[in-house]
Amino acid sequence: MSRNTPTSTSHRTPGVPHPEGVGEEEFRAALARLAAGVVLVTAHDPEDGPRGEDVGMTATSLLSVSLDPPLVLVSVREDSRVDELLQRQPLWAASLLAEEQRHIAGRFSMRGRVSDRLLFQDMPCTRGEASGAPLVDGALATLECRTEQRVSAGDHTLVIGRVLATSLPSSESGPLAYFRGRYRRLA
């Protein structure tokens, strides 16, 4: 297989391999076979409006980094609203979504979506005491975090957060999973 070298790393043509790696389509197809849990990452922006504004995004990239200290990592798209907010606001939260919360995951993952204010409307949530961020009611677990480190990684930023508080509501539900480009239930 021949590889084309792009002239600029910031303006690649989709499907064209990177100088030392596979193309975007091939990479996506391979990683679509990795099942992942689905979380809603949230933060409160106190500077947006008189009462501030809540911001959220769906992620499948939350993982445990360390037990001592308790650290997690989430990957956010560079220059996204969440990335911009987490550059200046160190407190955020992650709600691990249950299988019946697929509509919440879809709501916060839409491209060209409406304002975050409208997305949070009518969504049952509780404000976290440690982070001030919205925590999804009925989630399998919630984590409230403070950013410890930010690492630029390609077109994403890896945000490493110290877990300040957790909540483990009693739930009989299974986790919402993402596999082959679709939200799924574990069977």
N, C-alpha and C. Protein backbone atom coordinates (compact mmCIF):
# COMPACT_ATOMS: atom_id res chain seq x y z
N MET A 1 0.84 -1.17 0.00
CA MET A 1 0.00 0.00 0.00
C MET A 1 0.89 1.23 0.00
N SER A 2 0.66 2.14 -0.90
CA SER A 2 1.47 3.36 -0.94
C SER A 2 0.88 4.38 0.01
N ARG A 3 1.76 5.23 0.53
CA ARG A 3 1.31 6.26 1.46
C ARG A 3 1.62 7.62 0.89
N ASN A 4 0.63 8.51 0.96
CA ASN A 4 0.82 9.88 0.53
C ASN A 4 1.17 10.72 1.74
N THR A 5 2.10 11.63 1.58
CA THR A 5 2.48 12.51 2.67
C THR A 5 1.76 13.83 2.49
N PRO A 6 0.92 14.22 3.47
CA PRO A 6 0.24 15.50 3.34
C PRO A 6 1.23 16.64 3.50
N THR A 7 0.92 17.76 2.88
CA THR A 7 1.82 18.90 2.96
C THR A 7 1.67 19.65 4.27
N SER A 8 0.53 19.52 4.93
CA SER A 8 0.31 20.21 6.19
C SER A 8 -0.42 19.27 7.13
N THR A 9 0.04 19.16 8.37
CA THR A 9 -0.61 18.26 9.32
C THR A 9 -1.93 18.82 9.81
N SER A 10 -2.18 20.12 9.65
CA SER A 10 -3.43 20.68 10.15
C SER A 10 -4.55 20.62 9.12
N HIS A 11 -4.25 20.36 7.86
CA HIS A 11 -5.29 20.32 6.82
C HIS A 11 -5.14 19.04 6.01
N ARG A 12 -5.46 17.90 6.64
CA ARG A 12 -5.36 16.61 5.96
C ARG A 12 -6.62 16.35 5.16
N THR A 13 -6.48 15.63 4.08
CA THR A 13 -7.62 15.18 3.31
C THR A 13 -8.09 13.87 3.93
N PRO A 14 -9.39 13.75 4.28
CA PRO A 14 -9.88 12.51 4.87
C PRO A 14 -9.55 11.32 3.98
N GLY A 15 -9.13 10.24 4.59
CA GLY A 15 -8.79 9.03 3.86
C GLY A 15 -7.35 8.97 3.42
N VAL A 16 -6.63 10.07 3.46
CA VAL A 16 -5.22 10.07 3.08
C VAL A 16 -4.41 9.71 4.31
N PRO A 17 -3.56 8.68 4.22
CA PRO A 17 -2.78 8.27 5.40
C PRO A 17 -1.86 9.38 5.90
N HIS A 18 -1.62 9.34 7.20
CA HIS A 18 -0.66 10.24 7.82
C HIS A 18 0.73 9.78 7.40
N PRO A 19 1.75 10.64 7.53
CA PRO A 19 3.09 10.24 7.12
C PRO A 19 3.55 8.93 7.77
N GLU A 20 3.20 8.72 9.04
CA GLU A 20 3.60 7.49 9.71
C GLU A 20 2.39 6.87 10.40
N GLY A 21 1.37 6.58 9.65
CA GLY A 21 0.17 5.99 10.23
C GLY A 21 -0.89 5.75 9.19
N VAL A 22 -1.99 5.15 9.63
CA VAL A 22 -3.08 4.82 8.73
C VAL A 22 -3.94 6.05 8.47
N GLY A 23 -4.79 5.95 7.47
CA GLY A 23 -5.71 7.04 7.15
C GLY A 23 -6.85 7.10 8.16
N GLU A 24 -7.56 8.23 8.15
CA GLU A 24 -8.63 8.48 9.10
C GLU A 24 -9.74 7.43 9.02
N GLU A 25 -10.17 7.07 7.81
CA GLU A 25 -11.26 6.10 7.65
C GLU A 25 -10.85 4.72 8.17
N GLU A 26 -9.64 4.30 7.87
CA GLU A 26 -9.14 3.01 8.33
C GLU A 26 -9.04 2.99 9.86
N PHE A 27 -8.57 4.09 10.43
CA PHE A 27 -8.43 4.22 11.88
C PHE A 27 -9.80 4.15 12.55
N ARG A 28 -10.77 4.91 12.01
CA ARG A 28 -12.13 4.89 12.56
C ARG A 28 -12.74 3.50 12.49
N ALA A 29 -12.57 2.83 11.38
CA ALA A 29 -13.16 1.49 11.20
C ALA A 29 -12.60 0.50 12.22
N ALA A 30 -11.31 0.58 12.47
CA ALA A 30 -10.70 -0.34 13.43
C ALA A 30 -11.19 -0.04 14.85
N LEU A 31 -11.19 1.22 15.25
CA LEU A 31 -11.57 1.56 16.63
C LEU A 31 -13.07 1.50 16.87
N ALA A 32 -13.87 1.44 15.80
CA ALA A 32 -15.31 1.26 15.98
C ALA A 32 -15.62 -0.10 16.58
N ARG A 33 -14.66 -1.00 16.53
CA ARG A 33 -14.84 -2.34 17.08
C ARG A 33 -14.45 -2.43 18.55
N LEU A 34 -14.07 -1.31 19.13
CA LEU A 34 -13.75 -1.26 20.55
C LEU A 34 -14.97 -0.73 21.29
N ALA A 35 -15.59 -1.57 22.11
CA ALA A 35 -16.76 -1.14 22.89
C ALA A 35 -16.30 -0.18 23.98
N ALA A 36 -17.10 0.85 24.22
CA ALA A 36 -16.75 1.84 25.23
C ALA A 36 -17.99 2.25 26.00
N GLY A 37 -17.79 2.62 27.25
CA GLY A 37 -18.86 3.19 28.05
C GLY A 37 -19.11 4.62 27.60
N VAL A 38 -20.29 5.13 27.89
CA VAL A 38 -20.68 6.47 27.45
C VAL A 38 -20.88 7.34 28.70
N VAL A 39 -20.29 8.53 28.66
CA VAL A 39 -20.42 9.47 29.77
C VAL A 39 -20.85 10.83 29.25
N LEU A 40 -21.46 11.61 30.13
CA LEU A 40 -21.72 13.01 29.82
C LEU A 40 -20.76 13.82 30.67
N VAL A 41 -19.88 14.57 30.02
CA VAL A 41 -18.92 15.44 30.70
C VAL A 41 -19.58 16.81 30.78
N THR A 42 -19.60 17.39 31.98
CA THR A 42 -20.26 18.68 32.19
C THR A 42 -19.38 19.62 33.00
N ALA A 43 -19.63 20.89 32.83
CA ALA A 43 -18.96 21.93 33.62
C ALA A 43 -19.89 23.14 33.66
N HIS A 44 -19.67 23.98 34.64
CA HIS A 44 -20.46 25.21 34.76
C HIS A 44 -19.55 26.39 34.43
N ASP A 45 -20.01 27.23 33.52
CA ASP A 45 -19.26 28.43 33.14
C ASP A 45 -19.85 29.62 33.88
N PRO A 46 -19.20 30.06 34.98
CA PRO A 46 -19.76 31.15 35.76
C PRO A 46 -19.69 32.50 35.05
N GLU A 47 -18.88 32.60 33.99
CA GLU A 47 -18.70 33.87 33.29
C GLU A 47 -19.71 34.09 32.17
N ASP A 48 -20.53 33.09 31.86
CA ASP A 48 -21.47 33.20 30.75
C ASP A 48 -22.85 33.60 31.26
N GLY A 49 -23.16 34.86 31.17
CA GLY A 49 -24.47 35.36 31.59
C GLY A 49 -24.52 35.64 33.08
N PRO A 50 -25.64 36.18 33.53
CA PRO A 50 -25.76 36.58 34.94
C PRO A 50 -25.70 35.41 35.91
N ARG A 51 -26.21 34.25 35.51
CA ARG A 51 -26.18 33.07 36.38
C ARG A 51 -25.21 32.00 35.89
N GLY A 52 -24.46 32.33 34.84
CA GLY A 52 -23.57 31.33 34.26
C GLY A 52 -24.32 30.39 33.35
N GLU A 53 -23.61 29.48 32.74
CA GLU A 53 -24.24 28.50 31.85
C GLU A 53 -23.58 27.16 32.01
N ASP A 54 -24.38 26.08 31.94
CA ASP A 54 -23.86 24.73 31.97
C ASP A 54 -23.48 24.30 30.57
N VAL A 55 -22.40 23.55 30.47
CA VAL A 55 -21.89 23.08 29.18
C VAL A 55 -21.70 21.56 29.30
N GLY A 56 -21.97 20.84 28.21
CA GLY A 56 -21.81 19.39 28.27
C GLY A 56 -21.44 18.79 26.93
N MET A 57 -20.87 17.59 26.99
CA MET A 57 -20.53 16.83 25.79
C MET A 57 -20.55 15.34 26.11
N THR A 58 -20.95 14.56 25.12
CA THR A 58 -20.92 13.11 25.24
C THR A 58 -19.51 12.64 24.94
N ALA A 59 -19.02 11.68 25.73
CA ALA A 59 -17.67 11.14 25.52
C ALA A 59 -17.68 9.62 25.70
N THR A 60 -16.80 8.98 24.98
CA THR A 60 -16.56 7.54 25.15
C THR A 60 -15.10 7.31 25.51
N SER A 61 -14.45 8.36 25.97
CA SER A 61 -13.01 8.29 26.20
C SER A 61 -12.60 8.56 27.65
N LEU A 62 -13.47 8.25 28.60
CA LEU A 62 -13.11 8.42 30.00
C LEU A 62 -12.41 7.15 30.48
N LEU A 63 -11.28 7.31 31.16
CA LEU A 63 -10.61 6.14 31.70
C LEU A 63 -9.89 6.47 32.99
N SER A 64 -9.71 5.44 33.79
CA SER A 64 -9.00 5.57 35.05
C SER A 64 -7.51 5.67 34.77
N VAL A 65 -6.84 6.61 35.45
CA VAL A 65 -5.39 6.80 35.27
C VAL A 65 -4.63 6.32 36.50
N SER A 66 -5.15 6.62 37.70
CA SER A 66 -4.41 6.34 38.92
C SER A 66 -5.36 6.18 40.09
N LEU A 67 -5.00 5.30 41.03
CA LEU A 67 -5.77 5.17 42.26
C LEU A 67 -5.23 6.10 43.35
N ASP A 68 -3.92 6.36 43.33
CA ASP A 68 -3.31 7.19 44.35
C ASP A 68 -2.36 8.19 43.70
N PRO A 69 -2.82 9.40 43.44
CA PRO A 69 -4.14 9.95 43.76
C PRO A 69 -5.18 9.47 42.75
N PRO A 70 -6.47 9.61 43.07
CA PRO A 70 -7.52 9.18 42.16
C PRO A 70 -7.61 10.12 40.95
N LEU A 71 -7.19 9.63 39.78
CA LEU A 71 -7.17 10.44 38.56
C LEU A 71 -7.92 9.73 37.44
N VAL A 72 -8.63 10.52 36.63
CA VAL A 72 -9.25 10.02 35.41
C VAL A 72 -8.81 10.91 34.26
N LEU A 73 -9.00 10.43 33.06
CA LEU A 73 -8.64 11.17 31.84
C LEU A 73 -9.85 11.17 30.92
N VAL A 74 -10.10 12.32 30.31
CA VAL A 74 -11.13 12.41 29.27
C VAL A 74 -10.51 13.14 28.09
N SER A 75 -10.89 12.73 26.90
CA SER A 75 -10.39 13.34 25.67
C SER A 75 -11.48 14.25 25.11
N VAL A 76 -11.13 15.53 24.88
CA VAL A 76 -12.09 16.48 24.32
C VAL A 76 -11.53 17.08 23.03
N ARG A 77 -12.42 17.31 22.08
CA ARG A 77 -11.99 17.87 20.80
C ARG A 77 -11.40 19.26 21.03
N GLU A 78 -10.21 19.46 20.45
CA GLU A 78 -9.53 20.74 20.55
C GLU A 78 -10.42 21.85 19.98
N ASP A 79 -10.45 22.99 20.62
CA ASP A 79 -11.22 24.16 20.22
C ASP A 79 -12.73 23.97 20.32
N SER A 80 -13.19 22.93 21.00
CA SER A 80 -14.62 22.77 21.24
C SER A 80 -15.02 23.68 22.40
N ARG A 81 -16.31 23.83 22.60
CA ARG A 81 -16.81 24.65 23.71
C ARG A 81 -16.31 24.11 25.05
N VAL A 82 -16.33 22.77 25.21
CA VAL A 82 -15.88 22.17 26.47
C VAL A 82 -14.38 22.37 26.65
N ASP A 83 -13.60 22.20 25.59
CA ASP A 83 -12.15 22.41 25.68
C ASP A 83 -11.85 23.85 26.09
N GLU A 84 -12.53 24.79 25.45
CA GLU A 84 -12.31 26.21 25.76
C GLU A 84 -12.66 26.50 27.22
N LEU A 85 -13.76 25.95 27.70
CA LEU A 85 -14.17 26.19 29.08
C LEU A 85 -13.19 25.55 30.06
N LEU A 86 -12.76 24.32 29.80
CA LEU A 86 -11.86 23.63 30.73
C LEU A 86 -10.45 24.21 30.75
N GLN A 87 -10.14 25.09 29.79
CA GLN A 87 -8.86 25.81 29.85
C GLN A 87 -8.86 26.82 30.98
N ARG A 88 -10.02 27.36 31.31
CA ARG A 88 -10.09 28.41 32.33
C ARG A 88 -10.89 28.00 33.56
N GLN A 89 -11.65 26.93 33.48
CA GLN A 89 -12.46 26.46 34.60
C GLN A 89 -11.99 25.04 34.95
N PRO A 90 -11.31 24.86 36.08
CA PRO A 90 -10.73 23.55 36.39
C PRO A 90 -11.72 22.52 36.92
N LEU A 91 -12.93 22.91 37.28
CA LEU A 91 -13.89 21.98 37.88
C LEU A 91 -14.87 21.45 36.83
N TRP A 92 -15.07 20.14 36.82
CA TRP A 92 -15.95 19.50 35.87
C TRP A 92 -16.45 18.17 36.45
N ALA A 93 -17.35 17.52 35.74
CA ALA A 93 -17.92 16.26 36.21
C ALA A 93 -18.14 15.31 35.04
N ALA A 94 -18.27 14.03 35.37
CA ALA A 94 -18.61 13.00 34.39
C ALA A 94 -19.70 12.13 34.98
N SER A 95 -20.80 11.97 34.25
CA SER A 95 -21.90 11.10 34.65
C SER A 95 -21.85 9.87 33.76
N LEU A 96 -21.68 8.69 34.36
CA LEU A 96 -21.63 7.44 33.61
C LEU A 96 -23.06 7.03 33.29
N LEU A 97 -23.41 7.08 32.01
CA LEU A 97 -24.81 6.93 31.61
C LEU A 97 -25.29 5.48 31.65
N ALA A 98 -26.54 5.32 32.06
CA ALA A 98 -27.21 4.03 32.08
C ALA A 98 -27.84 3.77 30.71
N GLU A 99 -28.16 2.50 30.46
CA GLU A 99 -28.64 2.11 29.14
C GLU A 99 -29.90 2.85 28.71
N GLU A 100 -30.75 3.27 29.65
CA GLU A 100 -31.97 4.00 29.26
C GLU A 100 -31.72 5.49 29.07
N GLN A 101 -30.47 5.93 29.13
CA GLN A 101 -30.14 7.35 28.95
C GLN A 101 -29.51 7.64 27.59
N ARG A 102 -29.83 6.81 26.63
CA ARG A 102 -29.33 6.98 25.25
C ARG A 102 -29.73 8.35 24.69
N HIS A 103 -30.93 8.82 25.00
CA HIS A 103 -31.39 10.11 24.49
C HIS A 103 -30.50 11.26 24.99
N ILE A 104 -29.96 11.15 26.20
CA ILE A 104 -29.06 12.18 26.72
C ILE A 104 -27.75 12.16 25.95
N ALA A 105 -27.22 10.97 25.71
CA ALA A 105 -25.97 10.85 24.94
C ALA A 105 -26.16 11.43 23.54
N GLY A 106 -27.27 11.11 22.89
CA GLY A 106 -27.53 11.63 21.55
C GLY A 106 -27.71 13.13 21.53
N ARG A 107 -28.37 13.66 22.53
CA ARG A 107 -28.63 15.09 22.63
C ARG A 107 -27.34 15.89 22.67
N PHE A 108 -26.35 15.41 23.43
CA PHE A 108 -25.11 16.17 23.62
C PHE A 108 -24.01 15.79 22.62
N SER A 109 -24.32 14.91 21.67
CA SER A 109 -23.31 14.54 20.67
C SER A 109 -23.66 15.04 19.26
N MET A 110 -24.80 15.72 19.13
CA MET A 110 -25.23 16.21 17.81
C MET A 110 -24.28 17.26 17.27
N ARG A 111 -24.01 17.19 15.98
CA ARG A 111 -23.25 18.24 15.31
C ARG A 111 -24.22 19.38 15.00
N GLY A 112 -23.72 20.61 15.08
CA GLY A 112 -24.56 21.76 14.79
C GLY A 112 -25.72 21.87 15.75
N ARG A 113 -25.52 21.43 16.98
CA ARG A 113 -26.60 21.39 17.95
C ARG A 113 -26.98 22.79 18.44
N VAL A 114 -28.11 22.83 19.12
CA VAL A 114 -28.59 24.08 19.70
C VAL A 114 -27.72 24.43 20.91
N SER A 115 -28.01 25.53 21.54
CA SER A 115 -27.21 25.97 22.68
C SER A 115 -27.27 24.96 23.82
N ASP A 116 -26.22 24.94 24.62
CA ASP A 116 -26.18 24.04 25.77
C ASP A 116 -27.33 24.33 26.74
N ARG A 117 -27.70 25.59 26.86
CA ARG A 117 -28.79 25.97 27.76
C ARG A 117 -30.05 25.18 27.40
N LEU A 118 -30.37 25.07 26.12
CA LEU A 118 -31.56 24.32 25.70
C LEU A 118 -31.38 22.82 25.90
N LEU A 119 -30.14 22.32 25.75
CA LEU A 119 -29.90 20.89 25.93
C LEU A 119 -30.12 20.45 27.37
N PHE A 120 -29.82 21.32 28.32
CA PHE A 120 -30.01 20.98 29.73
C PHE A 120 -31.45 21.17 30.19
N GLN A 121 -32.24 21.89 29.40
CA GLN A 121 -33.63 22.14 29.77
C GLN A 121 -34.37 20.81 29.88
N ASP A 122 -35.15 20.63 30.91
CA ASP A 122 -35.96 19.43 31.13
C ASP A 122 -35.14 18.16 31.33
N MET A 123 -33.83 18.28 31.56
CA MET A 123 -33.02 17.10 31.84
C MET A 123 -32.83 17.02 33.36
N PRO A 124 -33.29 15.94 33.98
CA PRO A 124 -33.15 15.85 35.43
C PRO A 124 -31.68 15.75 35.84
N CYS A 125 -31.24 16.73 36.62
CA CYS A 125 -29.86 16.71 37.09
C CYS A 125 -29.77 17.43 38.43
N THR A 126 -28.66 17.18 39.09
CA THR A 126 -28.36 17.78 40.39
C THR A 126 -27.03 18.49 40.27
N ARG A 127 -26.90 19.62 40.91
CA ARG A 127 -25.64 20.36 40.85
C ARG A 127 -24.65 19.73 41.83
N GLY A 128 -23.45 19.39 41.35
CA GLY A 128 -22.44 18.78 42.21
C GLY A 128 -21.91 19.77 43.23
N GLU A 129 -21.76 19.31 44.46
CA GLU A 129 -21.27 20.18 45.53
C GLU A 129 -19.80 20.53 45.35
N ALA A 130 -18.99 19.59 44.85
CA ALA A 130 -17.55 19.82 44.72
C ALA A 130 -17.20 20.57 43.43
N SER A 131 -17.97 20.37 42.36
CA SER A 131 -17.62 20.94 41.06
C SER A 131 -18.55 22.05 40.59
N GLY A 132 -19.77 22.08 41.10
CA GLY A 132 -20.76 23.02 40.60
C GLY A 132 -21.32 22.61 39.25
N ALA A 133 -20.88 21.48 38.72
CA ALA A 133 -21.32 20.99 37.40
C ALA A 133 -22.59 20.16 37.55
N PRO A 134 -23.41 20.10 36.49
CA PRO A 134 -24.61 19.27 36.53
C PRO A 134 -24.24 17.78 36.55
N LEU A 135 -24.91 17.02 37.41
CA LEU A 135 -24.75 15.56 37.50
C LEU A 135 -26.08 14.95 37.06
N VAL A 136 -26.04 14.05 36.10
CA VAL A 136 -27.25 13.47 35.53
C VAL A 136 -27.93 12.55 36.55
N ASP A 137 -29.19 12.86 36.87
CA ASP A 137 -29.97 11.99 37.76
C ASP A 137 -30.16 10.64 37.07
N GLY A 138 -30.03 9.56 37.83
CA GLY A 138 -30.21 8.22 37.27
C GLY A 138 -28.96 7.65 36.62
N ALA A 139 -27.85 8.39 36.62
CA ALA A 139 -26.60 7.86 36.05
C ALA A 139 -26.11 6.71 36.93
N LEU A 140 -25.30 5.83 36.37
CA LEU A 140 -24.77 4.70 37.13
C LEU A 140 -23.82 5.18 38.22
N ALA A 141 -23.07 6.22 37.92
CA ALA A 141 -22.14 6.83 38.88
C ALA A 141 -21.82 8.23 38.37
N THR A 142 -21.39 9.09 39.28
CA THR A 142 -20.91 10.41 38.88
C THR A 142 -19.56 10.65 39.53
N LEU A 143 -18.72 11.39 38.82
CA LEU A 143 -17.40 11.77 39.30
C LEU A 143 -17.28 13.28 39.19
N GLU A 144 -16.86 13.93 40.26
CA GLU A 144 -16.60 15.36 40.21
C GLU A 144 -15.09 15.53 40.27
N CYS A 145 -14.57 16.35 39.35
CA CYS A 145 -13.12 16.41 39.16
C CYS A 145 -12.58 17.82 39.12
N ARG A 146 -11.27 17.94 39.36
CA ARG A 146 -10.53 19.18 39.19
C ARG A 146 -9.36 18.87 38.27
N THR A 147 -9.21 19.65 37.21
CA THR A 147 -8.14 19.40 36.24
C THR A 147 -6.77 19.52 36.91
N GLU A 148 -5.96 18.49 36.68
CA GLU A 148 -4.58 18.46 37.18
C GLU A 148 -3.60 18.75 36.05
N GLN A 149 -3.97 18.31 34.83
CA GLN A 149 -3.06 18.45 33.69
C GLN A 149 -3.85 18.41 32.40
N ARG A 150 -3.35 19.14 31.41
CA ARG A 150 -3.92 19.13 30.05
C ARG A 150 -2.79 18.78 29.10
N VAL A 151 -3.05 17.86 28.18
CA VAL A 151 -2.03 17.42 27.24
C VAL A 151 -2.61 17.52 25.83
N SER A 152 -1.94 18.25 24.96
CA SER A 152 -2.36 18.34 23.57
C SER A 152 -2.01 17.02 22.88
N ALA A 153 -2.99 16.44 22.16
CA ALA A 153 -2.78 15.16 21.48
C ALA A 153 -3.52 15.19 20.15
N GLY A 154 -2.82 15.55 19.08
CA GLY A 154 -3.46 15.62 17.77
C GLY A 154 -4.55 16.67 17.77
N ASP A 155 -5.77 16.29 17.36
CA ASP A 155 -6.88 17.24 17.32
C ASP A 155 -7.72 17.21 18.60
N HIS A 156 -7.16 16.62 19.66
CA HIS A 156 -7.86 16.56 20.95
C HIS A 156 -6.96 17.05 22.08
N THR A 157 -7.58 17.33 23.20
CA THR A 157 -6.86 17.64 24.43
C THR A 157 -7.21 16.57 25.44
N LEU A 158 -6.19 15.99 26.05
CA LEU A 158 -6.41 15.00 27.11
C LEU A 158 -6.45 15.77 28.43
N VAL A 159 -7.57 15.69 29.11
CA VAL A 159 -7.75 16.40 30.37
C VAL A 159 -7.68 15.37 31.49
N ILE A 160 -6.69 15.51 32.35
CA ILE A 160 -6.51 14.61 33.49
C ILE A 160 -7.05 15.31 34.72
N GLY A 161 -8.01 14.67 35.38
CA GLY A 161 -8.66 15.29 36.52
C GLY A 161 -8.54 14.45 37.78
N ARG A 162 -8.34 15.15 38.90
CA ARG A 162 -8.36 14.48 40.22
C ARG A 162 -9.83 14.34 40.62
N VAL A 163 -10.21 13.15 41.02
CA VAL A 163 -11.59 12.90 41.43
C VAL A 163 -11.76 13.42 42.86
N LEU A 164 -12.63 14.41 43.00
CA LEU A 164 -12.89 15.06 44.29
C LEU A 164 -14.05 14.41 45.03
N ALA A 165 -15.02 13.89 44.29
CA ALA A 165 -16.21 13.28 44.89
C ALA A 165 -16.81 12.30 43.91
N THR A 166 -17.47 11.28 44.43
CA THR A 166 -18.20 10.32 43.60
C THR A 166 -19.58 10.12 44.19
N SER A 167 -20.48 9.64 43.36
CA SER A 167 -21.81 9.27 43.79
C SER A 167 -22.14 7.96 43.11
N LEU A 168 -22.69 7.03 43.87
CA LEU A 168 -23.07 5.72 43.33
C LEU A 168 -24.54 5.46 43.64
N PRO A 169 -25.44 6.10 42.87
CA PRO A 169 -26.87 5.88 43.11
C PRO A 169 -27.22 4.41 42.94
N SER A 170 -28.20 3.95 43.69
CA SER A 170 -28.62 2.56 43.52
C SER A 170 -29.35 2.44 42.19
N SER A 171 -28.88 1.53 41.37
CA SER A 171 -29.46 1.37 40.04
C SER A 171 -29.36 -0.09 39.63
N GLU A 172 -30.42 -0.56 39.03
CA GLU A 172 -30.44 -1.93 38.50
C GLU A 172 -30.11 -1.93 37.01
N SER A 173 -29.88 -0.77 36.45
CA SER A 173 -29.63 -0.64 35.01
C SER A 173 -28.22 -1.08 34.64
N GLY A 174 -28.07 -1.42 33.39
CA GLY A 174 -26.76 -1.70 32.85
C GLY A 174 -26.18 -0.43 32.23
N PRO A 175 -24.93 -0.47 31.82
CA PRO A 175 -24.30 0.71 31.23
C PRO A 175 -24.72 0.94 29.79
N LEU A 176 -24.70 2.19 29.37
CA LEU A 176 -24.86 2.51 27.96
C LEU A 176 -23.50 2.31 27.31
N ALA A 177 -23.46 1.57 26.22
CA ALA A 177 -22.20 1.29 25.53
C ALA A 177 -22.26 1.86 24.11
N TYR A 178 -21.08 2.07 23.55
CA TYR A 178 -20.96 2.55 22.17
C TYR A 178 -20.10 1.55 21.42
N PHE A 179 -20.64 0.99 20.32
CA PHE A 179 -19.93 -0.04 19.57
C PHE A 179 -20.36 0.04 18.10
N ARG A 180 -19.39 0.02 17.21
CA ARG A 180 -19.64 0.10 15.76
C ARG A 180 -20.54 1.26 15.38
N GLY A 181 -20.26 2.43 15.99
CA GLY A 181 -20.94 3.66 15.62
C GLY A 181 -22.36 3.81 16.14
N ARG A 182 -22.77 2.95 17.11
CA ARG A 182 -24.13 3.04 17.65
C ARG A 182 -24.12 2.85 19.16
N TYR A 183 -25.10 3.46 19.82
CA TYR A 183 -25.30 3.24 21.24
C TYR A 183 -25.96 1.86 21.39
N ARG A 184 -25.51 1.11 22.41
CA ARG A 184 -26.02 -0.25 22.59
C ARG A 184 -26.19 -0.58 24.07
N ARG A 185 -26.96 -1.61 24.31
CA ARG A 185 -27.11 -2.19 25.64
C ARG A 185 -26.24 -3.44 25.70
N LEU A 186 -25.71 -3.73 26.88
CA LEU A 186 -24.99 -5.00 27.04
C LEU A 186 -26.02 -6.10 27.16
N ALA A 187 -25.81 -7.17 26.43
CA ALA A 187 -26.78 -8.28 26.47
C ALA A 187 -26.36 -9.31 27.49
